[in-house]
Amino acid sequence: VRFRQLVEKYLPLYIKASTISKTEIIDRTVNEIHNTGMSFRKRTAKEESVHWWSEITEEESRKKVAHRFRDSARQQSQSKSSFQKVCNDVINNLNLEPEPSQKQNLQKN
């Protein structure tokens, strides 16, 4: 399972979670990655032509996962907001009037 797929899998839980629960979700994600034999790495070579990578610490792994969750949650929120704005704009531009029966129901409420 790839890193982004795991984030997508847990993102709905993460968005609704308390701070403590978010930490648990992050830890679970890091553990799942490590349990599959994968690890987080960073480039350690000083020269651009050399590609040396080394495994990062557990704490750095958590920070990387937490950052990805925050970014994904922010992107999802912006996408929803954009979609709602487009829908509202379309409805407003159409200048639709409710059917007479719907008008009566709206007036009752």
Protein backbone atom coordinates (compact mmCIF):
# COMPACT_ATOMS: atom_id res chain seq x y z
CA VAL A 1 0.00 0.00 0.00
CA ARG A 2 1.37 3.37 -0.95
CA PHE A 3 1.72 6.35 1.37
CA ARG A 4 -0.90 8.53 -0.33
CA GLN A 5 -3.36 5.64 -0.46
CA LEU A 6 -3.04 5.22 3.30
CA VAL A 7 -3.61 8.93 3.81
CA GLU A 8 -6.72 8.76 1.61
CA LYS A 9 -7.92 5.73 3.57
CA TYR A 10 -7.65 7.49 6.95
CA LEU A 11 -8.42 11.07 5.87
CA PRO A 12 -12.17 10.97 6.71
CA LEU A 13 -11.31 9.75 10.22
CA TYR A 14 -8.54 12.33 10.56
CA ILE A 15 -10.79 15.24 9.57
CA LYS A 16 -13.38 14.36 12.22
CA ALA A 17 -10.87 13.34 14.93
CA SER A 18 -9.84 15.15 18.07
CA THR A 19 -6.19 16.15 18.47
CA ILE A 20 -5.40 13.01 20.46
CA SER A 21 -7.14 10.80 17.92
CA LYS A 22 -5.27 12.52 15.09
CA THR A 23 -2.00 11.56 16.76
CA GLU A 24 -3.19 7.95 16.95
CA ILE A 25 -4.15 7.98 13.25
CA ILE A 26 -0.74 9.38 12.34
CA ASP A 27 1.01 6.70 14.42
CA ARG A 28 -1.14 3.99 12.84
CA THR A 29 -0.24 5.23 9.36
CA VAL A 30 3.49 5.31 10.13
CA ASN A 31 3.29 1.80 11.62
CA GLU A 32 1.43 0.43 8.59
CA ILE A 33 4.09 1.84 6.30
CA HIS A 34 6.90 0.33 8.37
CA ASN A 35 5.05 -3.02 8.69
CA THR A 36 4.95 -3.36 4.90
CA GLY A 37 8.73 -2.98 4.76
CA MET A 38 8.65 0.57 3.44
CA SER A 39 10.39 3.48 5.10
CA PHE A 40 10.64 7.23 4.82
CA ARG A 41 13.84 8.58 3.34
CA LYS A 42 15.46 11.91 2.65
CA ARG A 43 18.14 12.95 0.24
CA THR A 44 21.46 13.27 2.02
CA ALA A 45 23.89 13.90 -0.86
CA LYS A 46 25.30 17.40 -1.07
CA GLU A 47 25.90 17.22 -4.82
CA GLU A 48 22.98 17.35 -7.21
CA SER A 49 24.44 14.63 -9.42
CA VAL A 50 24.64 12.14 -6.52
CA HIS A 51 21.46 10.57 -5.20
CA TRP A 52 22.10 9.27 -1.71
CA TRP A 53 19.13 8.64 0.49
CA SER A 54 18.95 7.73 4.16
CA GLU A 55 16.08 6.61 6.34
CA ILE A 56 14.59 9.30 8.55
CA THR A 57 13.77 8.96 12.24
CA GLU A 58 10.43 7.90 13.66
CA GLU A 59 9.72 11.50 14.72
CA GLU A 60 10.51 12.85 11.25
CA SER A 61 8.23 10.15 9.79
CA ARG A 62 5.37 11.28 12.02
CA LYS A 63 5.93 14.90 11.01
CA LYS A 64 5.87 13.94 7.33
CA VAL A 65 2.63 11.96 7.74
CA ALA A 66 1.00 14.72 9.82
CA HIS A 67 1.94 17.29 7.18
CA ARG A 68 0.40 15.16 4.43
CA PHE A 69 -2.84 14.73 6.41
CA ARG A 70 -3.10 18.49 7.03
CA ASP A 71 -2.47 19.30 3.37
CA SER A 72 -4.96 16.67 2.17
CA ALA A 73 -7.62 17.89 4.61
CA ARG A 74 -7.07 21.49 3.48
CA GLN A 75 -7.29 20.51 -0.21
CA GLN A 76 -10.48 18.54 0.38
CA SER A 77 -12.03 21.47 2.25
CA GLN A 78 -11.10 23.89 -0.55
CA SER A 79 -12.50 21.51 -3.17
CA LYS A 80 -15.82 21.27 -1.31
CA SER A 81 -15.99 25.04 -0.92
CA SER A 82 -15.26 25.56 -4.61
CA PHE A 83 -17.89 23.01 -5.62
CA GLN A 84 -20.52 24.61 -3.36
CA LYS A 85 -19.68 28.06 -4.73
CA VAL A 86 -20.04 26.84 -8.32
CA CYS A 87 -23.39 25.21 -7.52
CA ASN A 88 -24.66 28.37 -5.81
CA ASP A 89 -23.48 30.51 -8.74
CA VAL A 90 -25.26 28.24 -11.23
CA ILE A 91 -28.49 28.35 -9.21
CA ASN A 92 -28.27 32.13 -8.82
CA ASN A 93 -27.52 32.65 -12.52
CA LEU A 94 -30.46 30.51 -13.56
CA ASN A 95 -32.82 32.69 -11.50
CA LEU A 96 -35.06 29.73 -10.89
CA GLU A 97 -38.40 30.33 -9.27
CA PRO A 98 -39.84 27.52 -7.16
CA GLU A 99 -42.97 25.78 -8.38
CA PRO A 100 -46.22 27.20 -6.86
CA SER A 101 -46.56 24.17 -4.56
CA GLN A 102 -42.96 24.59 -3.40
CA LYS A 103 -43.59 28.30 -2.75
CA GLN A 104 -46.47 27.40 -0.44
CA ASN A 105 -44.28 24.93 1.46
CA LEU A 106 -41.52 27.51 1.77
CA GLN A 107 -43.98 30.09 3.10
CA LYS A 108 -45.30 27.64 5.72
CA ASN A 109 -41.77 27.06 7.06
